[in-house]
């Protein structure tokens, strides 16, 4: 729901309410409010009713070789939905080389992800 790895909620959950879920921390409330505005979301919105436009896996968080393998396992035999942009970015040049050596890039690209 947000712009940082800690801004998560289960797919069966709801977008948090900054006034309630910031636990009285004014800075956290302001940050949550900015994130929701940036993402175009409303507090208490059901997560599973939010249309997915972009999927990003990688960089530093979720960019390890194990993460690339997990994405490939999920992507194998599947396709990115029409209208969704999906990107996978290894966390380092070494991870990229190792993933490509294993053929992970091909599996991911065949599923419609950008590598």
PDB file of N, CA and C in Angstrom:
ATOM      1  N   UNK A   1       0.814  -1.202   0.000  1.00  0.00           N
ATOM      2  CA  UNK A   1       0.000   0.000   0.000  1.00  0.00           C
ATOM      3  C   UNK A   1       0.849   1.254   0.000  1.00  0.00           C
ATOM      4  N   UNK A   2       2.113   1.113   0.297  1.00  0.00           N
ATOM      5  CA  UNK A   2       2.930   2.316   0.443  1.00  0.00           C
ATOM      6  C   UNK A   2       4.147   2.335  -0.445  1.00  0.00           C
ATOM      7  N   UNK A   3       5.135   3.076  -0.016  1.00  0.00           N
ATOM      8  CA  UNK A   3       6.320   3.311  -0.841  1.00  0.00           C
ATOM      9  C   UNK A   3       7.596   2.775  -0.207  1.00  0.00           C
ATOM     10  N   UNK A   4       7.464   1.963   0.822  1.00  0.00           N
ATOM     11  CA  UNK A   4       8.615   1.454   1.556  1.00  0.00           C
ATOM     12  C   UNK A   4       8.352  -0.001   1.948  1.00  0.00           C
ATOM     13  N   UNK A   5       9.397  -0.810   2.102  1.00  0.00           N
ATOM     14  CA  UNK A   5       9.181  -2.221   2.438  1.00  0.00           C
ATOM     15  C   UNK A   5       8.352  -2.460   3.700  1.00  0.00           C
ATOM     16  N   UNK A   6       8.342  -1.537   4.645  1.00  0.00           N
ATOM     17  CA  UNK A   6       7.526  -1.753   5.844  1.00  0.00           C
ATOM     18  C   UNK A   6       6.054  -1.442   5.605  1.00  0.00           C
ATOM     19  N   UNK A   7       5.724  -0.840   4.483  1.00  0.00           N
ATOM     20  CA  UNK A   7       4.337  -0.474   4.177  1.00  0.00           C
ATOM     21  C   UNK A   7       3.641  -1.640   3.484  1.00  0.00           C
ATOM     22  N   UNK A   8       3.302  -2.649   4.255  1.00  0.00           N
ATOM     23  CA  UNK A   8       2.678  -3.843   3.690  1.00  0.00           C
ATOM     24  C   UNK A   8       1.413  -4.196   4.454  1.00  0.00           C
ATOM     25  N   UNK A   9       0.594  -4.994   3.817  1.00  0.00           N
ATOM     26  CA  UNK A   9      -0.609  -5.534   4.440  1.00  0.00           C
ATOM     27  C   UNK A   9      -0.939  -6.823   3.708  1.00  0.00           C
ATOM     28  N   UNK A  10      -1.582  -7.770   4.363  1.00  0.00           N
ATOM     29  CA  UNK A  10      -1.967  -8.999   3.660  1.00  0.00           C
ATOM     30  C   UNK A  10      -2.983  -8.694   2.569  1.00  0.00           C
ATOM     31  N   UNK A  11      -2.969  -9.506   1.527  1.00  0.00           N
ATOM     32  CA  UNK A  11      -3.890  -9.280   0.412  1.00  0.00           C
ATOM     33  C   UNK A  11      -5.343  -9.388   0.876  1.00  0.00           C
ATOM     34  N   UNK A  12      -5.571 -10.061   1.983  1.00  0.00           N
ATOM     35  CA  UNK A  12      -6.919 -10.184   2.544  1.00  0.00           C
ATOM     36  C   UNK A  12      -7.249  -9.054   3.516  1.00  0.00           C
ATOM     37  N   UNK A  13      -6.324  -8.113   3.665  1.00  0.00           N
ATOM     38  CA  UNK A  13      -6.493  -7.029   4.630  1.00  0.00           C
ATOM     39  C   UNK A  13      -7.025  -5.749   4.026  1.00  0.00           C
ATOM     40  N   UNK A  14      -6.743  -4.669   4.718  1.00  0.00           N
ATOM     41  CA  UNK A  14      -7.226  -3.348   4.336  1.00  0.00           C
ATOM     42  C   UNK A  14      -6.072  -2.357   4.329  1.00  0.00           C
ATOM     43  N   UNK A  15      -6.218  -1.300   3.546  1.00  0.00           N
ATOM     44  CA  UNK A  15      -5.261  -0.198   3.580  1.00  0.00           C
ATOM     45  C   UNK A  15      -5.367   0.417   4.972  1.00  0.00           C
ATOM     46  N   UNK A  16      -4.239   0.646   5.632  1.00  0.00           N
ATOM     47  CA  UNK A  16      -4.302   1.183   6.993  1.00  0.00           C
ATOM     48  C   UNK A  16      -4.838   2.611   7.042  1.00  0.00           C
ATOM     49  N   UNK A  17      -5.333   2.960   8.199  1.00  0.00           N
ATOM     50  CA  UNK A  17      -5.805   4.317   8.462  1.00  0.00           C
ATOM     51  C   UNK A  17      -4.701   5.031   9.242  1.00  0.00           C
ATOM     52  N   UNK A  18      -4.050   6.023   8.641  1.00  0.00           N
ATOM     53  CA  UNK A  18      -2.945   6.693   9.323  1.00  0.00           C
ATOM     54  C   UNK A  18      -3.305   7.233  10.705  1.00  0.00           C
ATOM     55  N   UNK A  19      -4.525   7.708  10.884  1.00  0.00           N
ATOM     56  CA  UNK A  19      -4.928   8.269  12.182  1.00  0.00           C
ATOM     57  C   UNK A  19      -4.958   7.190  13.268  1.00  0.00           C
ATOM     58  N   UNK A  20      -5.306   5.973  12.881  1.00  0.00           N
ATOM     59  CA  UNK A  20      -5.426   4.871  13.839  1.00  0.00           C
ATOM     60  C   UNK A  20      -4.133   4.057  13.911  1.00  0.00           C
ATOM     61  N   UNK A  21      -3.586   3.721  12.759  1.00  0.00           N
ATOM     62  CA  UNK A  21      -2.485   2.762  12.689  1.00  0.00           C
ATOM     63  C   UNK A  21      -1.096   3.357  12.881  1.00  0.00           C
ATOM     64  N   UNK A  22      -1.011   4.660  13.092  1.00  0.00           N
ATOM     65  CA  UNK A  22       0.291   5.282  13.363  1.00  0.00           C
ATOM     66  C   UNK A  22       0.626   5.246  14.852  1.00  0.00           C
ATOM     67  N   UNK A  23      -0.314   4.755  15.660  1.00  0.00           N
ATOM     68  CA  UNK A  23      -0.106   4.623  17.111  1.00  0.00           C
ATOM     69  C   UNK A  23       0.303   5.937  17.774  1.00  0.00           C
ATOM     70  N   UNK A  24      -0.293   7.029  17.325  1.00  0.00           N
ATOM     71  CA  UNK A  24      -0.033   8.323  17.946  1.00  0.00           C
ATOM     72  C   UNK A  24       1.269   8.981  17.546  1.00  0.00           C
ATOM     73  N   UNK A  25       1.999   8.373  16.627  1.00  0.00           N
ATOM     74  CA  UNK A  25       3.274   8.929  16.161  1.00  0.00           C
ATOM     75  C   UNK A  25       2.973   9.895  15.015  1.00  0.00           C
ATOM     76  N   UNK A  26       3.088  11.188  15.270  1.00  0.00           N
ATOM     77  CA  UNK A  26       2.722  12.213  14.282  1.00  0.00           C
ATOM     78  C   UNK A  26       3.550  12.100  13.011  1.00  0.00           C
ATOM     79  N   UNK A  27       4.831  11.815  13.144  1.00  0.00           N
ATOM     80  CA  UNK A  27       5.688  11.688  11.958  1.00  0.00           C
ATOM     81  C   UNK A  27       5.269  10.477  11.134  1.00  0.00           C
ATOM     82  N   UNK A  28       4.958   9.371  11.803  1.00  0.00           N
ATOM     83  CA  UNK A  28       4.510   8.164  11.087  1.00  0.00           C
ATOM     84  C   UNK A  28       3.169   8.433  10.407  1.00  0.00           C
ATOM     85  N   UNK A  29       2.259   9.099  11.104  1.00  0.00           N
ATOM     86  CA  UNK A  29       0.956   9.429  10.511  1.00  0.00           C
ATOM     87  C   UNK A  29       1.134  10.273   9.256  1.00  0.00           C
ATOM     88  N   UNK A  30       1.999  11.272   9.317  1.00  0.00           N
ATOM     89  CA  UNK A  30       2.245  12.135   8.154  1.00  0.00           C
ATOM     90  C   UNK A  30       2.852  11.333   7.011  1.00  0.00           C
ATOM     91  N   UNK A  31       3.789  10.451   7.325  1.00  0.00           N
ATOM     92  CA  UNK A  31       4.410   9.621   6.295  1.00  0.00           C
ATOM     93  C   UNK A  31       3.418   8.672   5.653  1.00  0.00           C
ATOM     94  N   UNK A  32       2.575   8.060   6.471  1.00  0.00           N
ATOM     95  CA  UNK A  32       1.554   7.156   5.944  1.00  0.00           C
ATOM     96  C   UNK A  32       0.578   7.914   5.053  1.00  0.00           C
ATOM     97  N   UNK A  33       0.185   9.095   5.482  1.00  0.00           N
ATOM     98  CA  UNK A  33      -0.747   9.913   4.701  1.00  0.00           C
ATOM     99  C   UNK A  33      -0.139  10.272   3.349  1.00  0.00           C
ATOM    100  N   UNK A  34       1.130  10.672   3.348  1.00  0.00           N
ATOM    101  CA  UNK A  34       1.813  10.990   2.081  1.00  0.00           C
ATOM    102  C   UNK A  34       1.867   9.764   1.169  1.00  0.00           C
ATOM    103  N   UNK A  35       2.174   8.605   1.736  1.00  0.00           N
ATOM    104  CA  UNK A  35       2.244   7.378   0.940  1.00  0.00           C
ATOM    105  C   UNK A  35       0.898   7.056   0.310  1.00  0.00           C
ATOM    106  N   UNK A  36      -0.163   7.149   1.093  1.00  0.00           N
ATOM    107  CA  UNK A  36      -1.494   6.849   0.557  1.00  0.00           C
ATOM    108  C   UNK A  36      -1.872   7.827  -0.547  1.00  0.00           C
ATOM    109  N   UNK A  37      -1.564   9.101  -0.343  1.00  0.00           N
ATOM    110  CA  UNK A  37      -1.853  10.093  -1.383  1.00  0.00           C
ATOM    111  C   UNK A  37      -1.057   9.789  -2.645  1.00  0.00           C
ATOM    112  N   UNK A  38       0.214   9.477  -2.491  1.00  0.00           N
ATOM    113  CA  UNK A  38       1.075   9.172  -3.635  1.00  0.00           C
ATOM    114  C   UNK A  38       0.571   7.942  -4.393  1.00  0.00           C
ATOM    115  N   UNK A  39       0.135   6.928  -3.647  1.00  0.00           N
ATOM    116  CA  UNK A  39      -0.326   5.686  -4.266  1.00  0.00           C
ATOM    117  C   UNK A  39      -1.771   5.777  -4.757  1.00  0.00           C
ATOM    118  N   UNK A  40      -2.463   6.855  -4.417  1.00  0.00           N
ATOM    119  CA  UNK A  40      -3.854   7.013  -4.844  1.00  0.00           C
ATOM    120  C   UNK A  40      -4.804   6.075  -4.111  1.00  0.00           C
ATOM    121  N   UNK A  41      -4.497   5.789  -2.855  1.00  0.00           N
ATOM    122  CA  UNK A  41      -5.310   4.866  -2.069  1.00  0.00           C
ATOM    123  C   UNK A  41      -6.046   5.603  -0.956  1.00  0.00           C
ATOM    124  N   UNK A  42      -7.064   4.939  -0.426  1.00  0.00           N
ATOM    125  CA  UNK A  42      -7.873   5.484   0.650  1.00  0.00           C
ATOM    126  C   UNK A  42      -7.795   4.555   1.854  1.00  0.00           C
ATOM    127  N   UNK A  43      -7.702   5.115   3.029  1.00  0.00           N
ATOM    128  CA  UNK A  43      -7.689   4.310   4.251  1.00  0.00           C
ATOM    129  C   UNK A  43      -8.897   3.385   4.289  1.00  0.00           C
ATOM    130  N   UNK A  44      -8.673   2.171   4.771  1.00  0.00           N
ATOM    131  CA  UNK A  44      -9.701   1.143   4.964  1.00  0.00           C
ATOM    132  C   UNK A  44     -10.186   0.513   3.661  1.00  0.00           C
ATOM    133  N   UNK A  45      -9.551   0.838   2.534  1.00  0.00           N
ATOM    134  CA  UNK A  45      -9.879   0.210   1.256  1.00  0.00           C
ATOM    135  C   UNK A  45      -9.432  -1.254   1.307  1.00  0.00           C
ATOM    136  N   UNK A  46     -10.235  -2.173   0.759  1.00  0.00           N
ATOM    137  CA  UNK A  46      -9.863  -3.587   0.753  1.00  0.00           C
ATOM    138  C   UNK A  46      -8.701  -3.797  -0.222  1.00  0.00           C
ATOM    139  N   UNK A  47      -7.644  -4.432   0.260  1.00  0.00           N
ATOM    140  CA  UNK A  47      -6.457  -4.655  -0.566  1.00  0.00           C
ATOM    141  C   UNK A  47      -6.802  -5.471  -1.809  1.00  0.00           C
ATOM    142  N   UNK A  48      -7.627  -6.512  -1.662  1.00  0.00           N
ATOM    143  CA  UNK A  48      -7.906  -7.378  -2.811  1.00  0.00           C
ATOM    144  C   UNK A  48      -8.822  -6.733  -3.853  1.00  0.00           C
ATOM    145  N   UNK A  49      -9.251  -5.513  -3.610  1.00  0.00           N
ATOM    146  CA  UNK A  49     -10.056  -4.787  -4.597  1.00  0.00           C
ATOM    147  C   UNK A  49      -9.260  -3.692  -5.305  1.00  0.00           C
ATOM    148  N   UNK A  50      -7.972  -3.594  -4.998  1.00  0.00           N
ATOM    149  CA  UNK A  50      -7.116  -2.591  -5.632  1.00  0.00           C
ATOM    150  C   UNK A  50      -6.550  -3.180  -6.919  1.00  0.00           C
ATOM    151  N   UNK A  51      -6.761  -2.489  -8.023  1.00  0.00           N
ATOM    152  CA  UNK A  51      -6.233  -2.956  -9.309  1.00  0.00           C
ATOM    153  C   UNK A  51      -4.707  -2.865  -9.296  1.00  0.00           C
ATOM    154  N   UNK A  52      -4.067  -3.900  -9.796  1.00  0.00           N
ATOM    155  CA  UNK A  52      -2.609  -3.911  -9.882  1.00  0.00           C
ATOM    156  C   UNK A  52      -2.205  -3.361 -11.237  1.00  0.00           C
ATOM    157  N   UNK A  53      -1.377  -2.323 -11.215  1.00  0.00           N
ATOM    158  CA  UNK A  53      -0.891  -1.702 -12.444  1.00  0.00           C
ATOM    159  C   UNK A  53       0.572  -2.032 -12.695  1.00  0.00           C
ATOM    160  N   UNK A  54       1.354  -2.093 -11.623  1.00  0.00           N
ATOM    161  CA  UNK A  54       2.791  -2.319 -11.737  1.00  0.00           C
ATOM    162  C   UNK A  54       3.246  -3.282 -10.655  1.00  0.00           C
ATOM    163  N   UNK A  55       4.109  -4.217 -11.054  1.00  0.00           N
ATOM    164  CA  UNK A  55       4.730  -5.147 -10.115  1.00  0.00           C
ATOM    165  C   UNK A  55       6.229  -4.948 -10.225  1.00  0.00           C
ATOM    166  N   UNK A  56       6.882  -4.752  -9.096  1.00  0.00           N
ATOM    167  CA  UNK A  56       8.338  -4.583  -9.081  1.00  0.00           C
ATOM    168  C   UNK A  56       8.921  -5.531  -8.054  1.00  0.00           C
ATOM    169  N   UNK A  57       9.832  -6.381  -8.501  1.00  0.00           N
ATOM    170  CA  UNK A  57      10.537  -7.291  -7.603  1.00  0.00           C
ATOM    171  C   UNK A  57      12.016  -7.026  -7.778  1.00  0.00           C
ATOM    172  N   UNK A  58      12.711  -6.773  -6.676  1.00  0.00           N
ATOM    173  CA  UNK A  58      14.150  -6.669  -6.790  1.00  0.00           C
ATOM    174  C   UNK A  58      14.761  -5.482  -6.122  1.00  0.00           C
ATOM    175  N   UNK A  59      15.825  -5.002  -6.749  1.00  0.00           N
ATOM    176  CA  UNK A  59      16.698  -3.972  -6.208  1.00  0.00           C
ATOM    177  C   UNK A  59      17.362  -4.537  -4.968  1.00  0.00           C
ATOM    178  N   UNK A  60      17.381  -3.822  -3.879  1.00  0.00           N
ATOM    179  CA  UNK A  60      18.035  -4.331  -2.659  1.00  0.00           C
ATOM    180  C   UNK A  60      17.133  -5.326  -1.938  1.00  0.00           C
ATOM    181  N   UNK A  61      15.892  -4.924  -1.687  1.00  0.00           N
ATOM    182  CA  UNK A  61      14.944  -5.806  -1.032  1.00  0.00           C
ATOM    183  C   UNK A  61      14.361  -6.739  -2.076  1.00  0.00           C
ATOM    184  N   UNK A  62      14.372  -8.014  -1.822  1.00  0.00           N
ATOM    185  CA  UNK A  62      13.864  -9.039  -2.741  1.00  0.00           C
ATOM    186  C   UNK A  62      14.700  -9.151  -4.006  1.00  0.00           C
ATOM    187  N   UNK A  63      15.975  -8.823  -3.930  1.00  0.00           N
ATOM    188  CA  UNK A  63      16.844  -8.892  -5.096  1.00  0.00           C
ATOM    189  C   UNK A  63      17.903  -9.977  -5.014  1.00  0.00           C
ATOM    190  N   UNK A  64      17.779 -10.884  -4.041  1.00  0.00           N
ATOM    191  CA  UNK A  64      18.754 -11.963  -3.885  1.00  0.00           C
ATOM    192  C   UNK A  64      18.487 -13.062  -4.907  1.00  0.00           C
ATOM    193  N   UNK A  65      19.466 -13.929  -5.116  1.00  0.00           N
ATOM    194  CA  UNK A  65      19.304 -15.034  -6.054  1.00  0.00           C
ATOM    195  C   UNK A  65      18.122 -15.914  -5.648  1.00  0.00           C
ATOM    196  N   UNK A  66      17.958 -16.154  -4.340  1.00  0.00           N
ATOM    197  CA  UNK A  66      16.813 -16.954  -3.889  1.00  0.00           C
ATOM    198  C   UNK A  66      15.490 -16.299  -4.275  1.00  0.00           C
ATOM    199  N   UNK A  67      15.459 -14.968  -4.232  1.00  0.00           N
ATOM    200  CA  UNK A  67      14.251 -14.242  -4.621  1.00  0.00           C
ATOM    201  C   UNK A  67      13.987 -14.397  -6.110  1.00  0.00           C
ATOM    202  N   UNK A  68      15.047 -14.349  -6.916  1.00  0.00           N
ATOM    203  CA  UNK A  68      14.897 -14.523  -8.362  1.00  0.00           C
ATOM    204  C   UNK A  68      14.369 -15.928  -8.666  1.00  0.00           C
ATOM    205  N   UNK A  69      14.881 -16.912  -7.939  1.00  0.00           N
ATOM    206  CA  UNK A  69      14.404 -18.294  -8.110  1.00  0.00           C
ATOM    207  C   UNK A  69      12.927 -18.406  -7.735  1.00  0.00           C
ATOM    208  N   UNK A  70      12.535 -17.750  -6.661  1.00  0.00           N
ATOM    209  CA  UNK A  70      11.134 -17.791  -6.226  1.00  0.00           C
ATOM    210  C   UNK A  70      10.216 -17.153  -7.265  1.00  0.00           C
ATOM    211  N   UNK A  71      10.637 -16.030  -7.821  1.00  0.00           N
ATOM    212  CA  UNK A  71       9.834 -15.373  -8.860  1.00  0.00           C
ATOM    213  C   UNK A  71       9.713 -16.286 -10.073  1.00  0.00           C
ATOM    214  N   UNK A  72      10.825 -16.901 -10.475  1.00  0.00           N
ATOM    215  CA  UNK A  72      10.803 -17.795 -11.632  1.00  0.00           C
ATOM    216  C   UNK A  72       9.876 -18.983 -11.385  1.00  0.00           C
ATOM    217  N   UNK A  73       9.887 -19.521 -10.177  1.00  0.00           N
ATOM    218  CA  UNK A  73       9.014 -20.656  -9.861  1.00  0.00           C
ATOM    219  C   UNK A  73       7.542 -20.267  -9.973  1.00  0.00           C
ATOM    220  N   UNK A  74       7.211 -19.078  -9.521  1.00  0.00           N
ATOM    221  CA  UNK A  74       5.827 -18.599  -9.613  1.00  0.00           C
ATOM    222  C   UNK A  74       5.474 -18.252 -11.054  1.00  0.00           C
ATOM    223  N   UNK A  75       6.407 -17.640 -11.771  1.00  0.00           N
ATOM    224  CA  UNK A  75       6.150 -17.176 -13.137  1.00  0.00           C
ATOM    225  C   UNK A  75       6.083 -18.315 -14.144  1.00  0.00           C
ATOM    226  N   UNK A  76       6.788 -19.399 -13.880  1.00  0.00           N
ATOM    227  CA  UNK A  76       6.867 -20.511 -14.830  1.00  0.00           C
ATOM    228  C   UNK A  76       5.478 -21.031 -15.185  1.00  0.00           C
ATOM    229  N   UNK A  77       5.166 -20.999 -16.478  1.00  0.00           N
ATOM    230  CA  UNK A  77       3.868 -21.465 -16.943  1.00  0.00           C
ATOM    231  C   UNK A  77       2.751 -20.453 -16.799  1.00  0.00           C
ATOM    232  N   UNK A  78       3.058 -19.284 -16.289  1.00  0.00           N
ATOM    233  CA  UNK A  78       2.061 -18.228 -16.114  1.00  0.00           C
ATOM    234  C   UNK A  78       2.426 -17.016 -16.956  1.00  0.00           C
ATOM    235  N   UNK A  79       1.502 -16.087 -17.067  1.00  0.00           N
ATOM    236  CA  UNK A  79       1.731 -14.854 -17.820  1.00  0.00           C
ATOM    237  C   UNK A  79       1.313 -13.654 -16.983  1.00  0.00           C
ATOM    238  N   UNK A  80       2.053 -12.576 -17.141  1.00  0.00           N
ATOM    239  CA  UNK A  80       1.673 -11.308 -16.526  1.00  0.00           C
ATOM    240  C   UNK A  80       0.349 -10.883 -17.157  1.00  0.00           C
ATOM    241  N   UNK A  81      -0.578 -10.439 -16.356  1.00  0.00           N
ATOM    242  CA  UNK A  81      -1.903 -10.050 -16.848  1.00  0.00           C
ATOM    243  C   UNK A  81      -1.816  -8.859 -17.795  1.00  0.00           C
ATOM    244  N   UNK A  82      -2.728  -8.819 -18.751  1.00  0.00           N
ATOM    245  CA  UNK A  82      -2.814  -7.672 -19.652  1.00  0.00           C
ATOM    246  C   UNK A  82      -2.993  -6.402 -18.826  1.00  0.00           C
ATOM    247  N   UNK A  83      -2.309  -5.357 -19.232  1.00  0.00           N
ATOM    248  CA  UNK A  83      -2.428  -4.078 -18.554  1.00  0.00           C
ATOM    249  C   UNK A  83      -1.548  -3.926 -17.329  1.00  0.00           C
ATOM    250  N   UNK A  84      -0.767  -4.958 -17.006  1.00  0.00           N
ATOM    251  CA  UNK A  84       0.130  -4.898 -15.850  1.00  0.00           C
ATOM    252  C   UNK A  84       1.569  -4.852 -16.344  1.00  0.00           C
ATOM    253  N   UNK A  85       2.338  -3.921 -15.821  1.00  0.00           N
ATOM    254  CA  UNK A  85       3.771  -3.859 -16.106  1.00  0.00           C
ATOM    255  C   UNK A  85       4.482  -4.554 -14.953  1.00  0.00           C
ATOM    256  N   UNK A  86       5.277  -5.572 -15.270  1.00  0.00           N
ATOM    257  CA  UNK A  86       5.973  -6.342 -14.243  1.00  0.00           C
ATOM    258  C   UNK A  86       7.469  -6.322 -14.521  1.00  0.00           C
ATOM    259  N   UNK A  87       8.242  -5.959 -13.510  1.00  0.00           N
ATOM    260  CA  UNK A  87       9.696  -5.830 -13.654  1.00  0.00           C
ATOM    261  C   UNK A  87      10.395  -6.633 -12.569  1.00  0.00           C
ATOM    262  N   UNK A  88      11.505  -7.264 -12.947  1.00  0.00           N
ATOM    263  CA  UNK A  88      12.352  -7.962 -11.990  1.00  0.00           C
ATOM    264  C   UNK A  88      13.755  -7.393 -12.135  1.00  0.00           C
ATOM    265  N   UNK A  89      14.314  -6.916 -11.028  1.00  0.00           N
ATOM    266  CA  UNK A  89      15.640  -6.299 -11.035  1.00  0.00           C
ATOM    267  C   UNK A  89      16.503  -6.991  -9.977  1.00  0.00           C
ATOM    268  N   UNK A  90      17.493  -7.770 -10.410  1.00  0.00           N
ATOM    269  CA  UNK A  90      18.388  -8.399  -9.437  1.00  0.00           C
ATOM    270  C   UNK A  90      19.076  -7.351  -8.567  1.00  0.00           C
ATOM    271  N   UNK A  91      19.417  -7.746  -7.349  1.00  0.00           N
ATOM    272  CA  UNK A  91      19.998  -6.819  -6.388  1.00  0.00           C
ATOM    273  C   UNK A  91      21.435  -6.431  -6.650  1.00  0.00           C
ATOM    274  N   UNK A  92      22.113  -7.153  -7.540  1.00  0.00           N
ATOM    275  CA  UNK A  92      23.503  -6.822  -7.861  1.00  0.00           C
ATOM    276  C   UNK A  92      23.853  -7.419  -9.218  1.00  0.00           C
ATOM    277  N   UNK A  93      24.987  -6.990  -9.754  1.00  0.00           N
ATOM    278  CA  UNK A  93      25.472  -7.551 -11.009  1.00  0.00           C
ATOM    279  C   UNK A  93      25.757  -9.034 -10.884  1.00  0.00           C
ATOM    280  N   UNK A  94      26.289  -9.450  -9.745  1.00  0.00           N
ATOM    281  CA  UNK A  94      26.586 -10.864  -9.527  1.00  0.00           C
ATOM    282  C   UNK A  94      25.307 -11.694  -9.497  1.00  0.00           C
ATOM    283  N   UNK A  95      24.292 -11.210  -8.803  1.00  0.00           N
ATOM    284  CA  UNK A  95      23.009 -11.920  -8.764  1.00  0.00           C
ATOM    285  C   UNK A  95      22.440 -12.025 -10.173  1.00  0.00           C
ATOM    286  N   UNK A  96      22.539 -10.964 -10.952  1.00  0.00           N
ATOM    287  CA  UNK A  96      22.053 -10.979 -12.338  1.00  0.00           C
ATOM    288  C   UNK A  96      22.779 -12.046 -13.152  1.00  0.00           C
ATOM    289  N   UNK A  97      24.099 -12.079 -13.064  1.00  0.00           N
ATOM    290  CA  UNK A  97      24.880 -13.071 -13.812  1.00  0.00           C
ATOM    291  C   UNK A  97      24.527 -14.496 -13.397  1.00  0.00           C
ATOM    292  N   UNK A  98      24.431 -14.742 -12.102  1.00  0.00           N
ATOM    293  CA  UNK A  98      24.098 -16.080 -11.622  1.00  0.00           C
ATOM    294  C   UNK A  98      22.690 -16.488 -12.050  1.00  0.00           C
ATOM    295  N   UNK A  99      21.747 -15.563 -11.969  1.00  0.00           N
ATOM    296  CA  UNK A  99      20.375 -15.852 -12.387  1.00  0.00           C
ATOM    297  C   UNK A  99      20.324 -16.161 -13.879  1.00  0.00           C
ATOM    298  N   UNK A 100      21.053 -15.400 -14.668  1.00  0.00           N
ATOM    299  CA  UNK A 100      21.087 -15.650 -16.111  1.00  0.00           C
ATOM    300  C   UNK A 100      21.770 -16.981 -16.414  1.00  0.00           C
ATOM    301  N   UNK A 101      22.800 -17.338 -15.659  1.00  0.00           N
ATOM    302  CA  UNK A 101      23.466 -18.627 -15.824  1.00  0.00           C
ATOM    303  C   UNK A 101      22.479 -19.767 -15.580  1.00  0.00           C
ATOM    304  N   UNK A 102      21.579 -19.579 -14.617  1.00  0.00           N
ATOM    305  CA  UNK A 102      20.569 -20.595 -14.301  1.00  0.00           C
ATOM    306  C   UNK A 102      19.367 -20.553 -15.246  1.00  0.00           C
ATOM    307  N   UNK A 103      19.297 -19.550 -16.122  1.00  0.00           N
ATOM    308  CA  UNK A 103      18.176 -19.434 -17.051  1.00  0.00           C
ATOM    309  C   UNK A 103      16.949 -18.772 -16.457  1.00  0.00           C
ATOM    310  N   UNK A 104      17.109 -18.187 -15.302  1.00  0.00           N
ATOM    311  CA  UNK A 104      15.982 -17.539 -14.626  1.00  0.00           C
ATOM    312  C   UNK A 104      15.433 -16.389 -15.456  1.00  0.00           C
ATOM    313  N   UNK A 105      16.322 -15.640 -16.103  1.00  0.00           N
ATOM    314  CA  UNK A 105      15.880 -14.510 -16.922  1.00  0.00           C
ATOM    315  C   UNK A 105      14.938 -14.954 -18.032  1.00  0.00           C
ATOM    316  N   UNK A 106      15.210 -16.106 -18.627  1.00  0.00           N
ATOM    317  CA  UNK A 106      14.363 -16.608 -19.726  1.00  0.00           C
ATOM    318  C   UNK A 106      12.965 -16.956 -19.216  1.00  0.00           C
ATOM    319  N   UNK A 107      12.897 -17.625 -18.072  1.00  0.00           N
ATOM    320  CA  UNK A 107      11.600 -17.990 -17.489  1.00  0.00           C
ATOM    321  C   UNK A 107      10.793 -16.732 -17.185  1.00  0.00           C
ATOM    322  N   UNK A 108      11.458 -15.762 -16.604  1.00  0.00           N
ATOM    323  CA  UNK A 108      10.794 -14.516 -16.222  1.00  0.00           C
ATOM    324  C   UNK A 108      10.325 -13.744 -17.456  1.00  0.00           C
ATOM    325  N   UNK A 109      11.179 -13.668 -18.472  1.00  0.00           N
ATOM    326  CA  UNK A 109      10.801 -12.958 -19.699  1.00  0.00           C
ATOM    327  C   UNK A 109       9.674 -13.679 -20.435  1.00  0.00           C
ATOM    328  N   UNK A 110       9.699 -15.014 -20.461  1.00  0.00           N
ATOM    329  CA  UNK A 110       8.626 -15.774 -21.118  1.00  0.00           C
ATOM    330  C   UNK A 110       7.276 -15.519 -20.456  1.00  0.00           C
ATOM    331  N   UNK A 111       7.297 -15.226 -19.175  1.00  0.00           N
ATOM    332  CA  UNK A 111       6.053 -14.936 -18.453  1.00  0.00           C
ATOM    333  C   UNK A 111       5.576 -13.501 -18.683  1.00  0.00           C
ATOM    334  N   UNK A 112       6.419 -12.683 -19.323  1.00  0.00           N
ATOM    335  CA  UNK A 112       6.015 -11.315 -19.627  1.00  0.00           C
ATOM    336  C   UNK A 112       6.591 -10.251 -18.725  1.00  0.00           C
ATOM    337  N   UNK A 113       7.521 -10.640 -17.866  1.00  0.00           N
ATOM    338  CA  UNK A 113       8.203  -9.658 -17.019  1.00  0.00           C
ATOM    339  C   UNK A 113       9.319  -8.985 -17.799  1.00  0.00           C
ATOM    340  N   UNK A 114       9.646  -7.763 -17.427  1.00  0.00           N
ATOM    341  CA  UNK A 114      10.853  -7.099 -17.923  1.00  0.00           C
ATOM    342  C   UNK A 114      11.999  -7.566 -17.046  1.00  0.00           C
ATOM    343  N   UNK A 115      13.134  -7.853 -17.647  1.00  0.00           N
ATOM    344  CA  UNK A 115      14.312  -8.295 -16.890  1.00  0.00           C
ATOM    345  C   UNK A 115      15.335  -7.193 -16.889  1.00  0.00           C
TER     346      UNK A 115
END
